[in-house]
């Protein structure tokens, strides 16, 4: 009888922080701001805004007036030739 109760409890447990998708760096999957994307890519924040206005970079609505970016979409944009600073 105890085994049945354990299974029922396990079946209805809520997702935890550890269940969230992970990014390529191993951290929990979090959405990035335009500033975060610009730092990661090595370009100006305005270049990120132009990229999503032109349709080169996907964005997701976050709240009423904000936009955020999935790290996987940013990595895809980098592979396709995002403008980066020359070091």
PDB file of N, CA and C in Angstrom:
ATOM      1  N   UNK A   1       0.812  -1.188   0.000  1.00  0.00           N
ATOM      2  CA  UNK A   1       0.000   0.000   0.000  1.00  0.00           C
ATOM      3  C   UNK A   1       0.864   1.264   0.000  1.00  0.00           C
ATOM      4  N   UNK A   2       2.005   1.217   0.673  1.00  0.00           N
ATOM      5  CA  UNK A   2       2.892   2.380   0.716  1.00  0.00           C
ATOM      6  C   UNK A   2       3.483   2.667  -0.664  1.00  0.00           C
ATOM      7  N   UNK A   3       3.735   1.598  -1.441  1.00  0.00           N
ATOM      8  CA  UNK A   3       4.287   1.787  -2.781  1.00  0.00           C
ATOM      9  C   UNK A   3       3.306   2.538  -3.674  1.00  0.00           C
ATOM     10  N   UNK A   4       2.030   2.257  -3.557  1.00  0.00           N
ATOM     11  CA  UNK A   4       1.019   2.933  -4.354  1.00  0.00           C
ATOM     12  C   UNK A   4       0.967   4.418  -4.011  1.00  0.00           C
ATOM     13  N   UNK A   5       1.035   4.741  -2.738  1.00  0.00           N
ATOM     14  CA  UNK A   5       1.014   6.142  -2.314  1.00  0.00           C
ATOM     15  C   UNK A   5       2.245   6.873  -2.837  1.00  0.00           C
ATOM     16  N   UNK A   6       3.412   6.210  -2.829  1.00  0.00           N
ATOM     17  CA  UNK A   6       4.630   6.829  -3.345  1.00  0.00           C
ATOM     18  C   UNK A   6       4.512   7.117  -4.837  1.00  0.00           C
ATOM     19  N   UNK A   7       3.950   6.187  -5.585  1.00  0.00           N
ATOM     20  CA  UNK A   7       3.785   6.370  -7.018  1.00  0.00           C
ATOM     21  C   UNK A   7       2.821   7.513  -7.321  1.00  0.00           C
ATOM     22  N   UNK A   8       1.718   7.592  -6.557  1.00  0.00           N
ATOM     23  CA  UNK A   8       0.755   8.664  -6.768  1.00  0.00           C
ATOM     24  C   UNK A   8       1.382  10.020  -6.461  1.00  0.00           C
ATOM     25  N   UNK A   9       2.152  10.082  -5.387  1.00  0.00           N
ATOM     26  CA  UNK A   9       2.812  11.325  -5.022  1.00  0.00           C
ATOM     27  C   UNK A   9       3.812  11.727  -6.091  1.00  0.00           C
ATOM     28  N   UNK A  10       4.546  10.765  -6.621  1.00  0.00           N
ATOM     29  CA  UNK A  10       5.541  11.037  -7.655  1.00  0.00           C
ATOM     30  C   UNK A  10       4.881  11.503  -8.952  1.00  0.00           C
ATOM     31  N   UNK A  11       3.699  10.960  -9.266  1.00  0.00           N
ATOM     32  CA  UNK A  11       3.025  11.299 -10.509  1.00  0.00           C
ATOM     33  C   UNK A  11       2.485  12.728 -10.515  1.00  0.00           C
ATOM     34  N   UNK A  12       2.135  13.273  -9.350  1.00  0.00           N
ATOM     35  CA  UNK A  12       1.546  14.607  -9.300  1.00  0.00           C
ATOM     36  C   UNK A  12       2.507  15.673  -8.799  1.00  0.00           C
ATOM     37  N   UNK A  13       3.779  15.347  -8.666  1.00  0.00           N
ATOM     38  CA  UNK A  13       4.724  16.350  -8.162  1.00  0.00           C
ATOM     39  C   UNK A  13       4.895  17.466  -9.167  1.00  0.00           C
ATOM     40  N   UNK A  14       5.133  18.647  -8.657  1.00  0.00           N
ATOM     41  CA  UNK A  14       5.292  19.819  -9.508  1.00  0.00           C
ATOM     42  C   UNK A  14       6.699  19.852 -10.081  1.00  0.00           C
ATOM     43  N   UNK A  15       6.855  20.419 -11.267  1.00  0.00           N
ATOM     44  CA  UNK A  15       8.200  20.527 -11.841  1.00  0.00           C
ATOM     45  C   UNK A  15       9.078  21.417 -10.963  1.00  0.00           C
ATOM     46  N   UNK A  16      10.318  21.043 -10.851  1.00  0.00           N
ATOM     47  CA  UNK A  16      11.259  21.830 -10.054  1.00  0.00           C
ATOM     48  C   UNK A  16      12.194  22.602 -10.979  1.00  0.00           C
ATOM     49  N   UNK A  17      13.065  23.379 -10.375  1.00  0.00           N
ATOM     50  CA  UNK A  17      14.040  24.162 -11.133  1.00  0.00           C
ATOM     51  C   UNK A  17      14.935  23.232 -11.948  1.00  0.00           C
ATOM     52  N   UNK A  18      15.230  22.058 -11.437  1.00  0.00           N
ATOM     53  CA  UNK A  18      16.112  21.119 -12.128  1.00  0.00           C
ATOM     54  C   UNK A  18      15.471  20.507 -13.360  1.00  0.00           C
ATOM     55  N   UNK A  19      14.144  20.604 -13.495  1.00  0.00           N
ATOM     56  CA  UNK A  19      13.447  20.043 -14.645  1.00  0.00           C
ATOM     57  C   UNK A  19      13.445  20.974 -15.849  1.00  0.00           C
ATOM     58  N   UNK A  20      13.856  22.210 -15.668  1.00  0.00           N
ATOM     59  CA  UNK A  20      13.845  23.181 -16.759  1.00  0.00           C
ATOM     60  C   UNK A  20      14.909  22.841 -17.791  1.00  0.00           C
ATOM     61  N   UNK A  21      14.690  23.266 -19.038  1.00  0.00           N
ATOM     62  CA  UNK A  21      15.703  23.007 -20.062  1.00  0.00           C
ATOM     63  C   UNK A  21      17.021  23.688 -19.730  1.00  0.00           C
ATOM     64  N   UNK A  22      18.102  23.133 -20.204  1.00  0.00           N
ATOM     65  CA  UNK A  22      19.423  23.672 -19.906  1.00  0.00           C
ATOM     66  C   UNK A  22      20.027  24.297 -21.149  1.00  0.00           C
ATOM     67  N   UNK A  23      20.847  25.323 -20.925  1.00  0.00           N
ATOM     68  CA  UNK A  23      21.537  25.969 -22.027  1.00  0.00           C
ATOM     69  C   UNK A  23      22.825  25.228 -22.324  1.00  0.00           C
ATOM     70  N   UNK A  24      23.534  25.669 -23.344  1.00  0.00           N
ATOM     71  CA  UNK A  24      24.771  25.003 -23.731  1.00  0.00           C
ATOM     72  C   UNK A  24      25.845  25.114 -22.659  1.00  0.00           C
ATOM     73  N   UNK A  25      25.767  26.129 -21.789  1.00  0.00           N
ATOM     74  CA  UNK A  25      26.764  26.264 -20.732  1.00  0.00           C
ATOM     75  C   UNK A  25      26.371  25.488 -19.480  1.00  0.00           C
ATOM     76  N   UNK A  26      25.253  24.741 -19.517  1.00  0.00           N
ATOM     77  CA  UNK A  26      24.865  23.880 -18.415  1.00  0.00           C
ATOM     78  C   UNK A  26      23.933  24.529 -17.418  1.00  0.00           C
ATOM     79  N   UNK A  27      23.701  25.827 -17.505  1.00  0.00           N
ATOM     80  CA  UNK A  27      22.811  26.503 -16.577  1.00  0.00           C
ATOM     81  C   UNK A  27      21.364  26.313 -16.984  1.00  0.00           C
ATOM     82  N   UNK A  28      20.454  26.665 -16.097  1.00  0.00           N
ATOM     83  CA  UNK A  28      19.048  26.529 -16.467  1.00  0.00           C
ATOM     84  C   UNK A  28      18.706  27.446 -17.631  1.00  0.00           C
ATOM     85  N   UNK A  29      17.819  26.996 -18.487  1.00  0.00           N
ATOM     86  CA  UNK A  29      17.451  27.771 -19.665  1.00  0.00           C
ATOM     87  C   UNK A  29      16.768  29.063 -19.264  1.00  0.00           C
ATOM     88  N   UNK A  30      17.394  30.177 -19.518  1.00  0.00           N
ATOM     89  CA  UNK A  30      16.778  31.461 -19.200  1.00  0.00           C
ATOM     90  C   UNK A  30      16.770  32.314 -20.450  1.00  0.00           C
ATOM     91  N   UNK A  31      15.843  33.201 -20.507  1.00  0.00           N
ATOM     92  CA  UNK A  31      15.743  34.092 -21.645  1.00  0.00           C
ATOM     93  C   UNK A  31      16.718  35.246 -21.476  1.00  0.00           C
ATOM     94  N   UNK A  32      17.243  35.724 -22.582  1.00  0.00           N
ATOM     95  CA  UNK A  32      18.255  36.774 -22.562  1.00  0.00           C
ATOM     96  C   UNK A  32      17.670  38.098 -23.031  1.00  0.00           C
ATOM     97  N   UNK A  33      18.155  39.192 -22.467  1.00  0.00           N
ATOM     98  CA  UNK A  33      17.774  40.520 -22.934  1.00  0.00           C
ATOM     99  C   UNK A  33      18.632  40.889 -24.130  1.00  0.00           C
ATOM    100  N   UNK A  34      18.294  42.000 -24.794  1.00  0.00           N
ATOM    101  CA  UNK A  34      19.100  42.472 -25.924  1.00  0.00           C
ATOM    102  C   UNK A  34      20.513  42.800 -25.462  1.00  0.00           C
ATOM    103  N   UNK A  35      20.641  43.346 -24.267  1.00  0.00           N
ATOM    104  CA  UNK A  35      21.958  43.655 -23.721  1.00  0.00           C
ATOM    105  C   UNK A  35      22.775  42.380 -23.504  1.00  0.00           C
ATOM    106  N   UNK A  36      22.145  41.336 -22.945  1.00  0.00           N
ATOM    107  CA  UNK A  36      22.827  40.048 -22.733  1.00  0.00           C
ATOM    108  C   UNK A  36      23.288  39.445 -24.055  1.00  0.00           C
ATOM    109  N   UNK A  37      22.435  39.518 -25.066  1.00  0.00           N
ATOM    110  CA  UNK A  37      22.778  38.981 -26.387  1.00  0.00           C
ATOM    111  C   UNK A  37      23.955  39.747 -26.969  1.00  0.00           C
ATOM    112  N   UNK A  38      23.933  41.077 -26.849  1.00  0.00           N
ATOM    113  CA  UNK A  38      25.023  41.895 -27.380  1.00  0.00           C
ATOM    114  C   UNK A  38      26.344  41.552 -26.710  1.00  0.00           C
ATOM    115  N   UNK A  39      26.327  41.331 -25.398  1.00  0.00           N
ATOM    116  CA  UNK A  39      27.554  40.939 -24.696  1.00  0.00           C
ATOM    117  C   UNK A  39      28.043  39.576 -25.157  1.00  0.00           C
ATOM    118  N   UNK A  40      27.120  38.640 -25.327  1.00  0.00           N
ATOM    119  CA  UNK A  40      27.489  37.279 -25.731  1.00  0.00           C
ATOM    120  C   UNK A  40      28.064  37.258 -27.140  1.00  0.00           C
ATOM    121  N   UNK A  41      27.444  38.018 -28.041  1.00  0.00           N
ATOM    122  CA  UNK A  41      27.865  38.027 -29.440  1.00  0.00           C
ATOM    123  C   UNK A  41      29.094  38.897 -29.638  1.00  0.00           C
ATOM    124  N   UNK A  42      29.161  39.996 -28.902  1.00  0.00           N
ATOM    125  CA  UNK A  42      30.279  40.915 -29.067  1.00  0.00           C
ATOM    126  C   UNK A  42      29.951  42.026 -30.040  1.00  0.00           C
ATOM    127  N   UNK A  43      28.706  42.462 -30.024  1.00  0.00           N
ATOM    128  CA  UNK A  43      28.285  43.553 -30.900  1.00  0.00           C
ATOM    129  C   UNK A  43      27.549  44.587 -30.059  1.00  0.00           C
ATOM    130  N   UNK A  44      27.063  45.626 -30.699  1.00  0.00           N
ATOM    131  CA  UNK A  44      26.327  46.665 -30.000  1.00  0.00           C
ATOM    132  C   UNK A  44      24.883  46.225 -29.804  1.00  0.00           C
ATOM    133  N   UNK A  45      24.261  46.723 -28.757  1.00  0.00           N
ATOM    134  CA  UNK A  45      22.867  46.395 -28.464  1.00  0.00           C
ATOM    135  C   UNK A  45      21.935  46.794 -29.611  1.00  0.00           C
ATOM    136  N   UNK A  46      22.239  47.873 -30.286  1.00  0.00           N
ATOM    137  CA  UNK A  46      21.420  48.315 -31.420  1.00  0.00           C
ATOM    138  C   UNK A  46      21.500  47.320 -32.578  1.00  0.00           C
ATOM    139  N   UNK A  47      22.629  46.646 -32.741  1.00  0.00           N
ATOM    140  CA  UNK A  47      22.751  45.617 -33.790  1.00  0.00           C
ATOM    141  C   UNK A  47      21.803  44.461 -33.511  1.00  0.00           C
ATOM    142  N   UNK A  48      21.622  44.126 -32.243  1.00  0.00           N
ATOM    143  CA  UNK A  48      20.685  43.062 -31.873  1.00  0.00           C
ATOM    144  C   UNK A  48      19.265  43.498 -32.215  1.00  0.00           C
ATOM    145  N   UNK A  49      18.927  44.730 -31.889  1.00  0.00           N
ATOM    146  CA  UNK A  49      17.581  45.228 -32.196  1.00  0.00           C
ATOM    147  C   UNK A  49      17.324  45.236 -33.704  1.00  0.00           C
ATOM    148  N   UNK A  50      18.313  45.655 -34.463  1.00  0.00           N
ATOM    149  CA  UNK A  50      18.147  45.662 -35.924  1.00  0.00           C
ATOM    150  C   UNK A  50      17.965  44.243 -36.459  1.00  0.00           C
ATOM    151  N   UNK A  51      18.674  43.286 -35.852  1.00  0.00           N
ATOM    152  CA  UNK A  51      18.576  41.896 -36.304  1.00  0.00           C
ATOM    153  C   UNK A  51      17.173  41.352 -36.096  1.00  0.00           C
ATOM    154  N   UNK A  52      16.551  41.635 -34.958  1.00  0.00           N
ATOM    155  CA  UNK A  52      15.205  41.101 -34.789  1.00  0.00           C
ATOM    156  C   UNK A  52      14.170  41.901 -35.565  1.00  0.00           C
ATOM    157  N   UNK A  53      14.421  43.177 -35.818  1.00  0.00           N
ATOM    158  CA  UNK A  53      13.486  43.935 -36.657  1.00  0.00           C
ATOM    159  C   UNK A  53      13.534  43.475 -38.117  1.00  0.00           C
ATOM    160  N   UNK A  54      14.705  43.016 -38.567  1.00  0.00           N
ATOM    161  CA  UNK A  54      14.862  42.510 -39.942  1.00  0.00           C
ATOM    162  C   UNK A  54      14.452  41.045 -40.066  1.00  0.00           C
ATOM    163  N   UNK A  55      14.202  40.374 -38.952  1.00  0.00           N
ATOM    164  CA  UNK A  55      13.809  38.972 -38.986  1.00  0.00           C
ATOM    165  C   UNK A  55      14.965  37.998 -38.938  1.00  0.00           C
ATOM    166  N   UNK A  56      16.186  38.471 -38.675  1.00  0.00           N
ATOM    167  CA  UNK A  56      17.336  37.580 -38.598  1.00  0.00           C
ATOM    168  C   UNK A  56      17.420  36.858 -37.263  1.00  0.00           C
ATOM    169  N   UNK A  57      16.804  37.417 -36.229  1.00  0.00           N
ATOM    170  CA  UNK A  57      16.878  36.866 -34.876  1.00  0.00           C
ATOM    171  C   UNK A  57      15.466  36.759 -34.316  1.00  0.00           C
ATOM    172  N   UNK A  58      15.124  35.580 -33.809  1.00  0.00           N
ATOM    173  CA  UNK A  58      13.794  35.379 -33.240  1.00  0.00           C
ATOM    174  C   UNK A  58      13.746  35.975 -31.847  1.00  0.00           C
ATOM    175  N   UNK A  59      12.579  36.488 -31.484  1.00  0.00           N
ATOM    176  CA  UNK A  59      12.388  37.045 -30.156  1.00  0.00           C
ATOM    177  C   UNK A  59      11.070  36.559 -29.591  1.00  0.00           C
ATOM    178  N   UNK A  60      10.901  36.718 -28.283  1.00  0.00           N
ATOM    179  CA  UNK A  60       9.691  36.282 -27.613  1.00  0.00           C
ATOM    180  C   UNK A  60       9.201  37.402 -26.713  1.00  0.00           C
ATOM    181  N   UNK A  61       7.903  37.601 -26.709  1.00  0.00           N
ATOM    182  CA  UNK A  61       7.299  38.633 -25.867  1.00  0.00           C
ATOM    183  C   UNK A  61       7.526  38.278 -24.396  1.00  0.00           C
ATOM    184  N   UNK A  62       7.908  39.271 -23.609  1.00  0.00           N
ATOM    185  CA  UNK A  62       8.149  39.082 -22.185  1.00  0.00           C
ATOM    186  C   UNK A  62       7.491  40.255 -21.474  1.00  0.00           C
ATOM    187  N   UNK A  63       6.336  40.027 -20.895  1.00  0.00           N
ATOM    188  CA  UNK A  63       5.601  41.113 -20.265  1.00  0.00           C
ATOM    189  C   UNK A  63       4.880  41.947 -21.301  1.00  0.00           C
ATOM    190  N   UNK A  64       4.646  43.208 -20.971  1.00  0.00           N
ATOM    191  CA  UNK A  64       3.868  44.077 -21.850  1.00  0.00           C
ATOM    192  C   UNK A  64       4.745  44.741 -22.905  1.00  0.00           C
ATOM    193  N   UNK A  65       5.917  45.248 -22.500  1.00  0.00           N
ATOM    194  CA  UNK A  65       6.735  46.030 -23.421  1.00  0.00           C
ATOM    195  C   UNK A  65       8.129  45.469 -23.631  1.00  0.00           C
ATOM    196  N   UNK A  66       8.368  44.261 -23.214  1.00  0.00           N
ATOM    197  CA  UNK A  66       9.725  43.715 -23.288  1.00  0.00           C
ATOM    198  C   UNK A  66       9.797  42.532 -24.243  1.00  0.00           C
ATOM    199  N   UNK A  67      11.005  42.291 -24.725  1.00  0.00           N
ATOM    200  CA  UNK A  67      11.295  41.147 -25.572  1.00  0.00           C
ATOM    201  C   UNK A  67      12.484  40.414 -24.997  1.00  0.00           C
ATOM    202  N   UNK A  68      12.499  39.091 -25.140  1.00  0.00           N
ATOM    203  CA  UNK A  68      13.618  38.283 -24.687  1.00  0.00           C
ATOM    204  C   UNK A  68      13.963  37.297 -25.796  1.00  0.00           C
ATOM    205  N   UNK A  69      15.162  36.716 -25.673  1.00  0.00           N
ATOM    206  CA  UNK A  69      15.695  35.824 -26.694  1.00  0.00           C
ATOM    207  C   UNK A  69      16.079  34.491 -26.069  1.00  0.00           C
ATOM    208  N   UNK A  70      15.794  33.406 -26.784  1.00  0.00           N
ATOM    209  CA  UNK A  70      16.224  32.078 -26.350  1.00  0.00           C
ATOM    210  C   UNK A  70      17.705  31.912 -26.694  1.00  0.00           C
ATOM    211  N   UNK A  71      18.501  31.352 -25.791  1.00  0.00           N
ATOM    212  CA  UNK A  71      19.931  31.153 -26.090  1.00  0.00           C
ATOM    213  C   UNK A  71      20.165  30.329 -27.351  1.00  0.00           C
ATOM    214  N   UNK A  72      19.299  29.359 -27.630  1.00  0.00           N
ATOM    215  CA  UNK A  72      19.479  28.539 -28.837  1.00  0.00           C
ATOM    216  C   UNK A  72      19.288  29.374 -30.105  1.00  0.00           C
ATOM    217  N   UNK A  73      18.352  30.335 -30.074  1.00  0.00           N
ATOM    218  CA  UNK A  73      18.156  31.219 -31.224  1.00  0.00           C
ATOM    219  C   UNK A  73      19.357  32.132 -31.421  1.00  0.00           C
ATOM    220  N   UNK A  74      19.958  32.571 -30.312  1.00  0.00           N
ATOM    221  CA  UNK A  74      21.142  33.428 -30.394  1.00  0.00           C
ATOM    222  C   UNK A  74      22.309  32.647 -30.989  1.00  0.00           C
ATOM    223  N   UNK A  75      22.492  31.403 -30.543  1.00  0.00           N
ATOM    224  CA  UNK A  75      23.572  30.564 -31.085  1.00  0.00           C
ATOM    225  C   UNK A  75      23.369  30.325 -32.578  1.00  0.00           C
ATOM    226  N   UNK A  76      22.124  30.133 -32.983  1.00  0.00           N
ATOM    227  CA  UNK A  76      21.819  29.949 -34.404  1.00  0.00           C
ATOM    228  C   UNK A  76      22.163  31.215 -35.193  1.00  0.00           C
ATOM    229  N   UNK A  77      21.851  32.369 -34.646  1.00  0.00           N
ATOM    230  CA  UNK A  77      22.160  33.648 -35.292  1.00  0.00           C
ATOM    231  C   UNK A  77      23.670  33.825 -35.427  1.00  0.00           C
ATOM    232  N   UNK A  78      24.415  33.417 -34.412  1.00  0.00           N
ATOM    233  CA  UNK A  78      25.884  33.510 -34.473  1.00  0.00           C
ATOM    234  C   UNK A  78      26.415  32.611 -35.582  1.00  0.00           C
ATOM    235  N   UNK A  79      25.898  31.392 -35.677  1.00  0.00           N
ATOM    236  CA  UNK A  79      26.352  30.462 -36.718  1.00  0.00           C
ATOM    237  C   UNK A  79      26.043  30.990 -38.122  1.00  0.00           C
ATOM    238  N   UNK A  80      24.948  31.720 -38.248  1.00  0.00           N
ATOM    239  CA  UNK A  80      24.570  32.273 -39.548  1.00  0.00           C
ATOM    240  C   UNK A  80      25.304  33.569 -39.891  1.00  0.00           C
ATOM    241  N   UNK A  81      26.146  34.059 -38.996  1.00  0.00           N
ATOM    242  CA  UNK A  81      26.963  35.218 -39.334  1.00  0.00           C
ATOM    243  C   UNK A  81      26.584  36.507 -38.644  1.00  0.00           C
ATOM    244  N   UNK A  82      26.348  36.452 -37.356  1.00  0.00           N
ATOM    245  CA  UNK A  82      26.039  37.670 -36.601  1.00  0.00           C
ATOM    246  C   UNK A  82      27.253  38.602 -36.632  1.00  0.00           C
ATOM    247  N   UNK A  83      27.023  39.917 -36.644  1.00  0.00           N
ATOM    248  CA  UNK A  83      28.154  40.861 -36.653  1.00  0.00           C
ATOM    249  C   UNK A  83      28.856  40.870 -35.295  1.00  0.00           C
ATOM    250  N   UNK A  84      30.075  40.423 -35.263  1.00  0.00           N
ATOM    251  CA  UNK A  84      30.823  40.387 -34.004  1.00  0.00           C
ATOM    252  C   UNK A  84      32.013  41.319 -34.098  1.00  0.00           C
ATOM    253  N   UNK A  85      32.504  41.724 -32.954  1.00  0.00           N
ATOM    254  CA  UNK A  85      33.676  42.594 -32.919  1.00  0.00           C
ATOM    255  C   UNK A  85      34.918  41.808 -33.310  1.00  0.00           C
ATOM    256  N   UNK A  86      35.833  42.476 -33.969  1.00  0.00           N
ATOM    257  CA  UNK A  86      37.105  41.854 -34.320  1.00  0.00           C
ATOM    258  C   UNK A  86      38.052  42.074 -33.150  1.00  0.00           C
ATOM    259  N   UNK A  87      38.556  40.990 -32.602  1.00  0.00           N
ATOM    260  CA  UNK A  87      39.446  41.097 -31.442  1.00  0.00           C
ATOM    261  C   UNK A  87      40.887  41.198 -31.843  1.00  0.00           C
TER     262      UNK A  87
END
